[in-house]
C-alpha atoms as a PDB file:
ATOM      1  CA  MET A   1    -167.732-206.193  53.435  1.00  0.00           C
ATOM      2  CA  GLN A   2    -168.475-202.672  53.693  1.00  0.00           C
ATOM      3  CA  LYS A   3    -167.355-201.810  56.847  1.00  0.00           C
ATOM      4  CA  ARG A   4    -163.950-203.650  56.685  1.00  0.00           C
ATOM      5  CA  THR A   5    -163.478-201.536  53.308  1.00  0.00           C
ATOM      6  CA  LYS A   6    -164.179-198.426  55.536  1.00  0.00           C
ATOM      7  CA  LYS A   7    -161.702-199.252  57.621  1.00  0.00           C
ATOM      8  CA  TRP A   8    -159.320-199.773  55.382  1.00  0.00           C
ATOM      9  CA  LEU A   9    -160.061-196.698  53.799  1.00  0.00           C
ATOM     10  CA  LEU A  10    -159.930-194.837  56.973  1.00  0.00           C
ATOM     11  CA  SER A  11    -156.282-196.843  57.835  1.00  0.00           C
ATOM     12  CA  LEU A  12    -154.900-195.591  54.867  1.00  0.00           C
ATOM     13  CA  VAL A  13    -155.854-191.886  55.420  1.00  0.00           C
ATOM     14  CA  LEU A  14    -154.272-191.877  58.634  1.00  0.00           C
ATOM     15  CA  VAL A  15    -151.292-193.278  57.250  1.00  0.00           C
ATOM     16  CA  LEU A  16    -150.978-191.081  54.732  1.00  0.00           C
ATOM     17  CA  MET A  17    -151.735-188.158  56.966  1.00  0.00           C
ATOM     18  CA  LEU A  18    -149.047-189.043  59.276  1.00  0.00           C
ATOM     19  CA  GLY A  19    -146.753-189.697  56.630  1.00  0.00           C
ATOM     20  CA  ALA A  20    -147.083-186.078  55.900  1.00  0.00           C
ATOM     21  CA  LEU A  21    -146.770-184.561  58.728  1.00  0.00           C
ATOM     22  CA  ALA A  22    -143.315-187.103  59.511  1.00  0.00           C
ATOM     23  CA  ALA A  23    -142.417-185.279  55.826  1.00  0.00           C
ATOM     24  CA  CYS A  24    -143.068-182.030  57.608  1.00  0.00           C
ATOM     25  CA  ALA A  25    -141.059-182.589  60.694  1.00  0.00           C
ATOM     26  CA  GLY A  26    -138.036-183.587  58.995  1.00  0.00           C
ATOM     27  CA  SER A  27    -137.828-181.001  56.413  1.00  0.00           C
ATOM     28  CA  THR A  28    -134.801-178.467  57.251  1.00  0.00           C
ATOM     29  CA  ALA A  29    -135.468-176.109  54.008  1.00  0.00           C
ATOM     30  CA  TYR A  30    -136.091-172.554  55.170  1.00  0.00           C
ATOM     31  CA  THR A  31    -138.868-171.734  52.965  1.00  0.00           C
ATOM     32  CA  GLU A  32    -140.812-169.023  54.564  1.00  0.00           C
ATOM     33  CA  SER A  33    -138.006-167.274  56.216  1.00  0.00           C
ATOM     34  CA  GLN A  34    -137.184-163.540  56.427  1.00  0.00           C
ATOM     35  CA  ASN A  35    -133.593-163.841  56.633  1.00  0.00           C
ATOM     36  CA  ILE A  36    -133.056-166.902  54.764  1.00  0.00           C
ATOM     37  CA  VAL A  37    -133.427-168.352  51.352  1.00  0.00           C
ATOM     38  CA  GLU A  38    -132.499-171.919  50.345  1.00  0.00           C
ATOM     39  CA  ALA A  39    -130.294-171.671  46.949  1.00  0.00           C
ATOM     40  CA  SER A  40    -132.871-173.475  44.656  1.00  0.00           C
ATOM     41  CA  ALA A  41    -135.165-170.473  45.003  1.00  0.00           C
ATOM     42  CA  LEU A  42    -132.941-168.069  43.684  1.00  0.00           C
ATOM     43  CA  ALA A  43    -133.673-168.465  40.091  1.00  0.00           C
ATOM     44  CA  ASP A  44    -137.089-167.126  40.060  1.00  0.00           C
ATOM     45  CA  LEU A  45    -136.116-164.531  42.980  1.00  0.00           C
ATOM     46  CA  MET A  46    -133.748-163.469  40.390  1.00  0.00           C
ATOM     47  CA  ALA A  47    -136.163-162.835  37.584  1.00  0.00           C
ATOM     48  CA  GLN A  48    -137.973-160.627  40.028  1.00  0.00           C
ATOM     49  CA  GLU A  49    -137.375-156.695  40.113  1.00  0.00           C
ATOM     50  CA  GLY A  50    -135.138-154.810  42.183  1.00  0.00           C
ATOM     51  CA  VAL A  51    -133.354-157.949  43.440  1.00  0.00           C
ATOM     52  CA  VAL A  52    -129.783-157.536  44.125  1.00  0.00           C
ATOM     53  CA  VAL A  53    -127.476-160.897  44.549  1.00  0.00           C
ATOM     54  CA  VAL A  54    -124.260-160.088  46.042  1.00  0.00           C
ATOM     55  CA  ASP A  55    -120.976-162.511  46.759  1.00  0.00           C
ATOM     56  CA  ALA A  56    -119.533-161.832  50.104  1.00  0.00           C
ATOM     57  CA  ARG A  57    -116.732-163.387  49.001  1.00  0.00           C
ATOM     58  CA  ALA A  58    -113.175-162.129  48.635  1.00  0.00           C
ATOM     59  CA  ALA A  59    -112.054-160.504  45.077  1.00  0.00           C
ATOM     60  CA  GLU A  60    -109.786-163.958  43.887  1.00  0.00           C
ATOM     61  CA  ASP A  61    -112.713-166.006  44.816  1.00  0.00           C
ATOM     62  CA  TYR A  62    -115.488-164.026  42.756  1.00  0.00           C
ATOM     63  CA  ASN A  63    -113.402-163.644  39.779  1.00  0.00           C
ATOM     64  CA  LYS A  64    -112.811-167.671  39.673  1.00  0.00           C
ATOM     65  CA  GLY A  65    -116.551-168.037  39.436  1.00  0.00           C
ATOM     66  CA  HIS A  66    -119.548-166.711  40.852  1.00  0.00           C
ATOM     67  CA  LEU A  67    -123.689-166.703  40.363  1.00  0.00           C
ATOM     68  CA  LYS A  68    -123.960-164.957  37.038  1.00  0.00           C
ATOM     69  CA  GLY A  69    -125.572-161.510  38.078  1.00  0.00           C
ATOM     70  CA  ALA A  70    -124.234-161.431  41.469  1.00  0.00           C
ATOM     71  CA  VAL A  71    -122.131-158.441  42.607  1.00  0.00           C
ATOM     72  CA  ASN A  72    -119.105-158.705  44.941  1.00  0.00           C
ATOM     73  CA  LEU A  73    -118.728-156.944  48.041  1.00  0.00           C
ATOM     74  CA  SER A  74    -116.901-157.972  50.620  1.00  0.00           C
ATOM     75  CA  PRO A  75    -118.443-157.113  54.353  1.00  0.00           C
ATOM     76  CA  ASP A  76    -114.711-155.282  54.924  1.00  0.00           C
ATOM     77  CA  GLU A  77    -115.626-152.637  52.666  1.00  0.00           C
ATOM     78  CA  LEU A  78    -117.847-151.737  56.125  1.00  0.00           C
ATOM     79  CA  ASN A  79    -115.583-151.910  58.596  1.00  0.00           C
ATOM     80  CA  GLY A  80    -114.499-148.637  60.240  1.00  0.00           C
ATOM     81  CA  GLN A  81    -110.620-146.869  60.889  1.00  0.00           C
ATOM     82  CA  GLY A  82    -110.923-146.635  64.918  1.00  0.00           C
ATOM     83  CA  THR A  83    -108.284-148.336  67.072  1.00  0.00           C
ATOM     84  CA  VAL A  84    -109.829-151.568  66.939  1.00  0.00           C
ATOM     85  CA  ALA A  85    -110.062-153.614  63.861  1.00  0.00           C
ATOM     86  CA  GLY A  86    -113.261-155.075  62.514  1.00  0.00           C
ATOM     87  CA  MET A  87    -115.676-152.714  63.807  1.00  0.00           C
ATOM     88  CA  LEU A  88    -118.674-150.997  61.646  1.00  0.00           C
ATOM     89  CA  GLY A  89    -118.012-148.072  60.538  1.00  0.00           C
ATOM     90  CA  THR A  90    -120.226-145.268  59.608  1.00  0.00           C
ATOM     91  CA  PRO A  91    -123.517-144.436  58.291  1.00  0.00           C
ATOM     92  CA  GLN A  92    -121.640-142.190  55.641  1.00  0.00           C
ATOM     93  CA  GLN A  93    -119.505-145.318  54.983  1.00  0.00           C
ATOM     94  CA  PHE A  94    -122.067-147.996  54.676  1.00  0.00           C
ATOM     95  CA  ASN A  95    -124.379-145.264  52.017  1.00  0.00           C
ATOM     96  CA  ARG A  96    -121.187-145.154  49.814  1.00  0.00           C
ATOM     97  CA  VAL A  97    -120.691-149.248  49.633  1.00  0.00           C
ATOM     98  CA  MET A  98    -124.481-149.723  49.295  1.00  0.00           C
ATOM     99  CA  SER A  99    -124.215-146.946  45.932  1.00  0.00           C
ATOM    100  CA  LYS A 100    -121.712-148.254  44.416  1.00  0.00           C
ATOM    101  CA  SER A 101    -122.829-152.171  44.440  1.00  0.00           C
ATOM    102  CA  GLY A 102    -126.123-151.145  43.044  1.00  0.00           C
ATOM    103  CA  ILE A 103    -128.205-151.263  46.063  1.00  0.00           C
ATOM    104  CA  SER A 104    -130.768-148.684  47.006  1.00  0.00           C
ATOM    105  CA  PRO A 105    -132.963-148.664  50.137  1.00  0.00           C
ATOM    106  CA  GLU A 106    -136.032-150.783  47.935  1.00  0.00           C
ATOM    107  CA  SER A 107    -133.753-153.402  46.988  1.00  0.00           C
ATOM    108  CA  THR A 108    -134.316-157.056  48.090  1.00  0.00           C
ATOM    109  CA  VAL A 109    -130.515-158.343  48.635  1.00  0.00           C
ATOM    110  CA  ILE A 110    -129.429-162.064  48.687  1.00  0.00           C
ATOM    111  CA  VAL A 111    -126.066-162.958  50.229  1.00  0.00           C
ATOM    112  CA  TYR A 112    -124.075-165.640  49.982  1.00  0.00           C
ATOM    113  CA  ASP A 113    -120.718-166.509  50.694  1.00  0.00           C
ATOM    114  CA  GLY A 114    -118.037-170.002  50.441  1.00  0.00           C
ATOM    115  CA  ASN A 115    -117.582-170.220  54.641  1.00  0.00           C
ATOM    116  CA  ASP A 116    -120.130-171.467  56.547  1.00  0.00           C
ATOM    117  CA  GLY A 117    -122.675-168.092  55.823  1.00  0.00           C
ATOM    118  CA  ILE A 118    -120.212-166.236  58.167  1.00  0.00           C
ATOM    119  CA  PHE A 119    -119.506-163.015  55.775  1.00  0.00           C
ATOM    120  CA  ALA A 120    -122.743-163.098  54.556  1.00  0.00           C
ATOM    121  CA  SER A 121    -124.179-162.902  58.122  1.00  0.00           C
ATOM    122  CA  ARG A 122    -122.080-160.332  58.502  1.00  0.00           C
ATOM    123  CA  LEU A 123    -123.454-158.127  55.512  1.00  0.00           C
ATOM    124  CA  TRP A 124    -126.957-159.379  56.631  1.00  0.00           C
ATOM    125  CA  TRP A 125    -126.109-157.610  60.068  1.00  0.00           C
ATOM    126  CA  ALA A 126    -124.808-154.699  59.411  1.00  0.00           C
ATOM    127  CA  MET A 127    -127.720-153.992  56.752  1.00  0.00           C
ATOM    128  CA  LYS A 128    -130.184-154.592  59.650  1.00  0.00           C
ATOM    129  CA  ILE A 129    -128.147-152.378  61.755  1.00  0.00           C
ATOM    130  CA  PHE A 130    -128.463-149.922  59.234  1.00  0.00           C
ATOM    131  CA  GLY A 131    -132.305-150.203  58.662  1.00  0.00           C
ATOM    132  CA  HIS A 132    -132.167-152.097  55.452  1.00  0.00           C
ATOM    133  CA  GLU A 133    -135.356-155.304  56.162  1.00  0.00           C
ATOM    134  CA  ASN A 134    -135.580-156.894  52.443  1.00  0.00           C
ATOM    135  CA  VAL A 135    -131.859-158.677  53.340  1.00  0.00           C
ATOM    136  CA  LYS A 136    -131.478-162.913  53.237  1.00  0.00           C
ATOM    137  CA  VAL A 137    -128.892-165.400  53.526  1.00  0.00           C
ATOM    138  CA  VAL A 138    -128.302-168.294  50.997  1.00  0.00           C
ATOM    139  CA  ASN A 139    -128.429-171.344  53.217  1.00  0.00           C
ATOM    140  CA  GLY A 140    -125.081-173.583  52.279  1.00  0.00           C
ATOM    141  CA  GLY A 141    -123.651-171.170  50.245  1.00  0.00           C
ATOM    142  CA  ALA A 142    -121.654-170.943  47.336  1.00  0.00           C
ATOM    143  CA  SER A 143    -121.632-174.720  47.176  1.00  0.00           C
ATOM    144  CA  ALA A 144    -125.491-174.784  47.692  1.00  0.00           C
ATOM    145  CA  ILE A 145    -125.494-172.597  44.372  1.00  0.00           C
ATOM    146  CA  VAL A 146    -123.582-174.905  42.750  1.00  0.00           C
ATOM    147  CA  ASN A 147    -125.417-178.244  43.729  1.00  0.00           C
ATOM    148  CA  ALA A 148    -128.490-176.381  42.454  1.00  0.00           C
ATOM    149  CA  GLY A 149    -127.501-176.253  38.611  1.00  0.00           C
ATOM    150  CA  LEU A 150    -126.821-172.471  38.823  1.00  0.00           C
ATOM    151  CA  GLU A 151    -125.309-170.794  36.045  1.00  0.00           C
ATOM    152  CA  ILE A 152    -121.538-169.900  37.160  1.00  0.00           C
ATOM    153  CA  SER A 153    -119.597-166.457  35.599  1.00  0.00           C
ATOM    154  CA  GLY A 154    -116.308-165.560  35.444  1.00  0.00           C
ATOM    155  CA  ASP A 155    -117.416-162.249  34.447  1.00  0.00           C
ATOM    156  CA  ALA A 156    -117.870-159.116  36.635  1.00  0.00           C
ATOM    157  CA  THR A 157    -121.487-157.922  36.576  1.00  0.00           C
ATOM    158  CA  GLN A 158    -121.709-154.799  35.402  1.00  0.00           C
ATOM    159  CA  ILE A 159    -123.169-152.778  38.168  1.00  0.00           C
ATOM    160  CA  VAL A 160    -125.426-149.365  37.744  1.00  0.00           C
ATOM    161  CA  SER A 161    -124.765-147.163  40.831  1.00  0.00           C
ATOM    162  CA  ALA A 162    -127.546-146.089  43.098  1.00  0.00           C
ATOM    163  CA  SER A 163    -128.589-143.776  45.689  1.00  0.00           C
ATOM    164  CA  TYR A 164    -128.100-145.409  49.340  1.00  0.00           C
ATOM    165  CA  SER A 165    -129.449-143.613  52.611  1.00  0.00           C
ATOM    166  CA  SER A 166    -129.445-145.566  55.404  1.00  0.00           C
ATOM    167  CA  LYS A 167    -131.852-145.490  58.742  1.00  0.00           C
ATOM    168  CA  ALA A 168    -130.644-144.469  62.471  1.00  0.00           C
ATOM    169  CA  GLN A 169    -129.117-147.395  63.474  1.00  0.00           C
ATOM    170  CA  ASP A 170    -130.738-150.145  65.195  1.00  0.00           C
ATOM    171  CA  SER A 171    -129.259-150.025  68.608  1.00  0.00           C
ATOM    172  CA  SER A 172    -130.961-153.712  69.460  1.00  0.00           C
ATOM    173  CA  LEU A 173    -128.892-155.629  67.088  1.00  0.00           C
ATOM    174  CA  ILE A 174    -125.454-154.727  68.837  1.00  0.00           C
ATOM    175  CA  ALA A 175    -123.963-154.629  71.786  1.00  0.00           C
ATOM    176  CA  THR A 176    -121.322-152.387  73.439  1.00  0.00           C
ATOM    177  CA  ILE A 177    -118.146-153.291  75.747  1.00  0.00           C
ATOM    178  CA  GLU A 178    -120.605-151.512  78.304  1.00  0.00           C
ATOM    179  CA  ASP A 179    -123.324-154.201  77.750  1.00  0.00           C
ATOM    180  CA  VAL A 180    -120.834-156.924  78.165  1.00  0.00           C
ATOM    181  CA  LYS A 181    -119.384-155.294  81.281  1.00  0.00           C
ATOM    182  CA  ASP A 182    -122.714-155.108  82.668  1.00  0.00           C
ATOM    183  CA  ALA A 183    -123.512-159.159  81.802  1.00  0.00           C
ATOM    184  CA  VAL A 184    -120.390-160.212  83.489  1.00  0.00           C
ATOM    185  CA  VAL A 185    -120.706-158.057  86.680  1.00  0.00           C
ATOM    186  CA  ASN A 186    -124.498-158.047  86.955  1.00  0.00           C
ATOM    187  CA  GLY A 187    -125.858-161.203  84.859  1.00  0.00           C
ATOM    188  CA  THR A 188    -128.102-159.190  82.796  1.00  0.00           C
ATOM    189  CA  ALA A 189    -127.309-161.724  79.725  1.00  0.00           C
ATOM    190  CA  THR A 190    -126.003-164.784  78.668  1.00  0.00           C
ATOM    191  CA  ILE A 191    -122.751-164.373  76.827  1.00  0.00           C
ATOM    192  CA  ILE A 192    -121.744-166.734  74.070  1.00  0.00           C
ATOM    193  CA  ASP A 193    -118.745-167.252  72.415  1.00  0.00           C
ATOM    194  CA  VAL A 194    -118.783-168.763  69.242  1.00  0.00           C
ATOM    195  CA  ARG A 195    -115.143-168.883  68.804  1.00  0.00           C
ATOM    196  CA  THR A 196    -112.822-172.463  68.331  1.00  0.00           C
ATOM    197  CA  PRO A 197    -112.306-174.322  71.780  1.00  0.00           C
ATOM    198  CA  ALA A 198    -108.672-173.649  71.112  1.00  0.00           C
ATOM    199  CA  GLU A 199    -109.193-170.033  71.159  1.00  0.00           C
ATOM    200  CA  PHE A 200    -111.504-169.726  74.089  1.00  0.00           C
ATOM    201  CA  ASP A 201    -109.325-171.815  76.268  1.00  0.00           C
ATOM    202  CA  GLU A 202    -106.365-169.428  75.392  1.00  0.00           C
ATOM    203  CA  GLY A 203    -108.755-166.811  76.855  1.00  0.00           C
ATOM    204  CA  ALA A 204    -112.124-165.474  76.767  1.00  0.00           C
ATOM    205  CA  ILE A 205    -114.546-162.888  78.801  1.00  0.00           C
ATOM    206  CA  PRO A 206    -115.950-164.138  82.135  1.00  0.00           C
ATOM    207  CA  THR A 207    -118.772-166.034  82.210  1.00  0.00           C
ATOM    208  CA  ALA A 208    -119.236-166.824  78.757  1.00  0.00           C
ATOM    209  CA  ILE A 209    -120.056-170.092  77.671  1.00  0.00           C
ATOM    210  CA  LEU A 210    -118.548-171.462  74.392  1.00  0.00           C
ATOM    211  CA  TYR A 211    -120.195-173.047  71.735  1.00  0.00           C
ATOM    212  CA  PRO A 212    -118.659-172.532  68.624  1.00  0.00           C
ATOM    213  CA  HIS A 213    -120.709-171.592  65.464  1.00  0.00           C
ATOM    214  CA  THR A 214    -119.856-174.725  63.215  1.00  0.00           C
ATOM    215  CA  GLN A 215    -122.386-176.197  65.821  1.00  0.00           C
ATOM    216  CA  ASN A 216    -125.150-174.278  63.801  1.00  0.00           C
ATOM    217  CA  LEU A 217    -124.251-176.435  60.989  1.00  0.00           C
ATOM    218  CA  TYR A 218    -125.484-179.766  59.042  1.00  0.00           C
ATOM    219  CA  SER A 219    -122.319-182.477  58.119  1.00  0.00           C
ATOM    220  CA  ASP A 220    -123.264-180.788  54.304  1.00  0.00           C
ATOM    221  CA  GLY A 221    -122.712-177.380  55.413  1.00  0.00           C
ATOM    222  CA  THR A 222    -126.516-175.931  55.624  1.00  0.00           C
ATOM    223  CA  PHE A 223    -127.550-174.456  58.342  1.00  0.00           C
ATOM    224  CA  LYS A 224    -129.754-176.230  60.656  1.00  0.00           C
ATOM    225  CA  SER A 225    -133.035-175.987  61.016  1.00  0.00           C
ATOM    226  CA  ALA A 226    -134.560-173.348  63.605  1.00  0.00           C
ATOM    227  CA  ARG A 227    -136.370-176.660  65.317  1.00  0.00           C
ATOM    228  CA  ASP A 228    -132.795-177.886  66.001  1.00  0.00           C
ATOM    229  CA  ILE A 229    -131.193-174.443  66.490  1.00  0.00           C
ATOM    230  CA  TYR A 230    -133.945-174.061  68.958  1.00  0.00           C
ATOM    231  CA  LEU A 231    -133.254-177.272  71.006  1.00  0.00           C
ATOM    232  CA  ASN A 232    -129.517-176.935  70.884  1.00  0.00           C
ATOM    233  CA  TYR A 233    -129.738-173.899  72.646  1.00  0.00           C
ATOM    234  CA  LYS A 234    -132.367-174.457  74.808  1.00  0.00           C
ATOM    235  CA  ASP A 235    -129.596-177.474  76.044  1.00  0.00           C
ATOM    236  CA  LEU A 236    -127.683-174.670  77.099  1.00  0.00           C
ATOM    237  CA  GLY A 237    -130.434-173.200  79.438  1.00  0.00           C
ATOM    238  CA  LEU A 238    -131.401-170.272  77.100  1.00  0.00           C
ATOM    239  CA  GLU A 239    -134.771-169.746  76.410  1.00  0.00           C
ATOM    240  CA  LYS A 240    -136.327-167.487  73.636  1.00  0.00           C
ATOM    241  CA  ASP A 241    -136.433-164.353  75.046  1.00  0.00           C
ATOM    242  CA  ALA A 242    -133.277-164.594  76.997  1.00  0.00           C
ATOM    243  CA  PRO A 243    -131.098-161.863  76.786  1.00  0.00           C
ATOM    244  CA  ILE A 244    -127.807-163.169  74.707  1.00  0.00           C
ATOM    245  CA  LEU A 245    -124.310-161.844  73.757  1.00  0.00           C
ATOM    246  CA  LEU A 246    -122.391-162.817  71.437  1.00  0.00           C
ATOM    247  CA  TYR A 247    -119.189-162.830  70.196  1.00  0.00           C
ATOM    248  CA  CYS A 248    -115.535-163.967  68.608  1.00  0.00           C
ATOM    249  CA  LYS A 249    -112.521-162.658  67.636  1.00  0.00           C
ATOM    250  CA  SER A 250    -114.280-159.805  65.838  1.00  0.00           C
ATOM    251  CA  SER A 251    -117.517-160.375  65.349  1.00  0.00           C
ATOM    252  CA  VAL A 252    -118.133-161.961  61.931  1.00  0.00           C
ATOM    253  CA  ARG A 253    -118.780-165.782  63.388  1.00  0.00           C
ATOM    254  CA  ALA A 254    -121.023-164.195  65.730  1.00  0.00           C
ATOM    255  CA  THR A 255    -123.283-162.746  63.084  1.00  0.00           C
ATOM    256  CA  GLN A 256    -124.053-166.241  61.796  1.00  0.00           C
ATOM    257  CA  THR A 257    -125.204-167.564  65.152  1.00  0.00           C
ATOM    258  CA  MET A 258    -127.287-164.326  65.717  1.00  0.00           C
ATOM    259  CA  LEU A 259    -128.914-164.860  62.300  1.00  0.00           C
ATOM    260  CA  LEU A 260    -130.124-168.359  63.167  1.00  0.00           C
ATOM    261  CA  LEU A 261    -131.163-167.917  66.473  1.00  0.00           C
ATOM    262  CA  LYS A 262    -133.185-165.157  64.836  1.00  0.00           C
ATOM    263  CA  GLU A 263    -134.772-168.038  63.006  1.00  0.00           C
ATOM    264  CA  ALA A 264    -135.235-169.937  65.610  1.00  0.00           C
ATOM    265  CA  GLY A 265    -137.529-167.016  67.678  1.00  0.00           C
ATOM    266  CA  TYR A 266    -134.745-165.906  69.920  1.00  0.00           C
ATOM    267  CA  SER A 267    -136.289-162.404  70.334  1.00  0.00           C
ATOM    268  CA  ASN A 268    -133.353-160.358  72.743  1.00  0.00           C
ATOM    269  CA  VAL A 269    -129.977-161.210  70.758  1.00  0.00           C
ATOM    270  CA  LYS A 270    -126.914-158.791  70.553  1.00  0.00           C
ATOM    271  CA  VAL A 271    -123.924-159.195  68.663  1.00  0.00           C
ATOM    272  CA  TYR A 272    -120.743-157.417  70.783  1.00  0.00           C
ATOM    273  CA  ASP A 273    -118.846-155.741  67.893  1.00  0.00           C
ATOM    274  CA  GLY A 274    -115.552-155.136  69.785  1.00  0.00           C
ATOM    275  CA  ALA A 275    -115.411-158.257  70.265  1.00  0.00           C
ATOM    276  CA  TRP A 276    -112.385-160.500  71.816  1.00  0.00           C
ATOM    277  CA  LEU A 277    -109.917-158.042  70.027  1.00  0.00           C
ATOM    278  CA  GLU A 278    -111.406-155.076  72.424  1.00  0.00           C
ATOM    279  CA  TRP A 279    -111.941-156.839  75.365  1.00  0.00           C
ATOM    280  CA  SER A 280    -108.679-158.457  75.424  1.00  0.00           C
ATOM    281  CA  VAL A 281    -106.983-154.829  75.305  1.00  0.00           C
ATOM    282  CA  SER A 282    -109.544-153.118  77.263  1.00  0.00           C
ATOM    283  CA  GLY A 283    -107.856-154.100  80.629  1.00  0.00           C
ATOM    284  CA  GLU A 284    -110.638-156.036  81.732  1.00  0.00           C
ATOM    285  CA  GLU A 285    -110.713-159.571  83.539  1.00  0.00           C
ATOM    286  CA  THR A 286    -109.738-162.294  80.967  1.00  0.00           C
ATOM    287  CA  THR A 287    -110.396-166.222  81.908  1.00  0.00           C
ATOM    288  CA  SER A 288    -108.082-168.837  80.434  1.00  0.00           C
ATOM    289  CA  PRO A 289    -109.488-172.265  81.024  1.00  0.00           C
ATOM    290  CA  ALA A 290    -105.985-173.806  79.836  1.00  0.00           C
ATOM    291  CA  GLY A 291    -103.751-171.280  81.417  1.00  0.00           C
ATOM    292  CA  PRO A 292    -101.192-168.751  80.275  1.00  0.00           C
ATOM    293  CA  VAL A 293    -100.124-169.321  76.974  1.00  0.00           C
ATOM    294  CA  GLU A 294     -96.688-168.950  77.251  1.00  0.00           C
ATOM    295  CA  ALA A 295     -96.434-172.167  79.881  1.00  0.00           C
ATOM    296  CA  THR A 296     -99.021-174.256  77.549  1.00  0.00           C
ATOM    297  CA  VAL A 297     -96.107-173.554  74.536  1.00  0.00           C
ATOM    298  CA  GLN A 298     -92.875-174.667  77.519  1.00  0.00           C
ATOM    299  CA  ASP A 299     -94.768-177.218  77.916  1.00  0.00           C
ATOM    300  CA  ALA A 300     -95.811-178.602  74.949  1.00  0.00           C
ATOM    301  CA  SER A 301     -91.244-178.468  73.763  1.00  0.00           C
END
């Protein structure tokens, strides 16, 4: 009888352990991430000193309703005035935008948006470029914040300006057109195009692999887990130490892919900031899987 009881208890413990392991394996929440935070953790974080929550949506959306206490900062405010639209501006411009937004170098910055995390990730990437380490993106964005039951406000948050002085640009996170040319000619990196199939078919950088940024999301709009991201990109033939260059039209969507690749353990990833807008007018070769755009339009008519 005692032997049977011991066997039963042993079996019960084994079942409970397996259940716990299965629960952990099936979890897709980012609970100990350096770059992503769950909406459910925001209330506790906002109670801490030095935390600034940024709503990276357009001012119109912010004014309709935002997380109470969040400040509005579109990543467009960090764009430069060069010949290629959408490229990152100067350190001086970055410092001005951070300062007027109430962000200091010591701030912990939490960013969200309402569009697959692409604008929040662009801001995350820009801040990383200029040496700001304590910045995270909200998984699921504005929808996740509402679903978490956090307080929404239509009143603009009062900002106390800060003083910001950025560090030297981190070149390990940003690719130039010369880097891309080298990858095309010499195969020094895998180029991933994160645009839509329609955009890719109209023209792309030679050798680029199409993998739309939307493939990084679950059906509810939250980020895929680090494990799922790794498995998906491993299916593309990419190991964690593979040199990877990402681009889209203006490298906003590309930063979301970079964020998630970093979380999945990919250590050699850069965003080509000039993106398709620069490459398409550079005189460099392009590929058009669907053929000339004009011919496609004529055939359709």
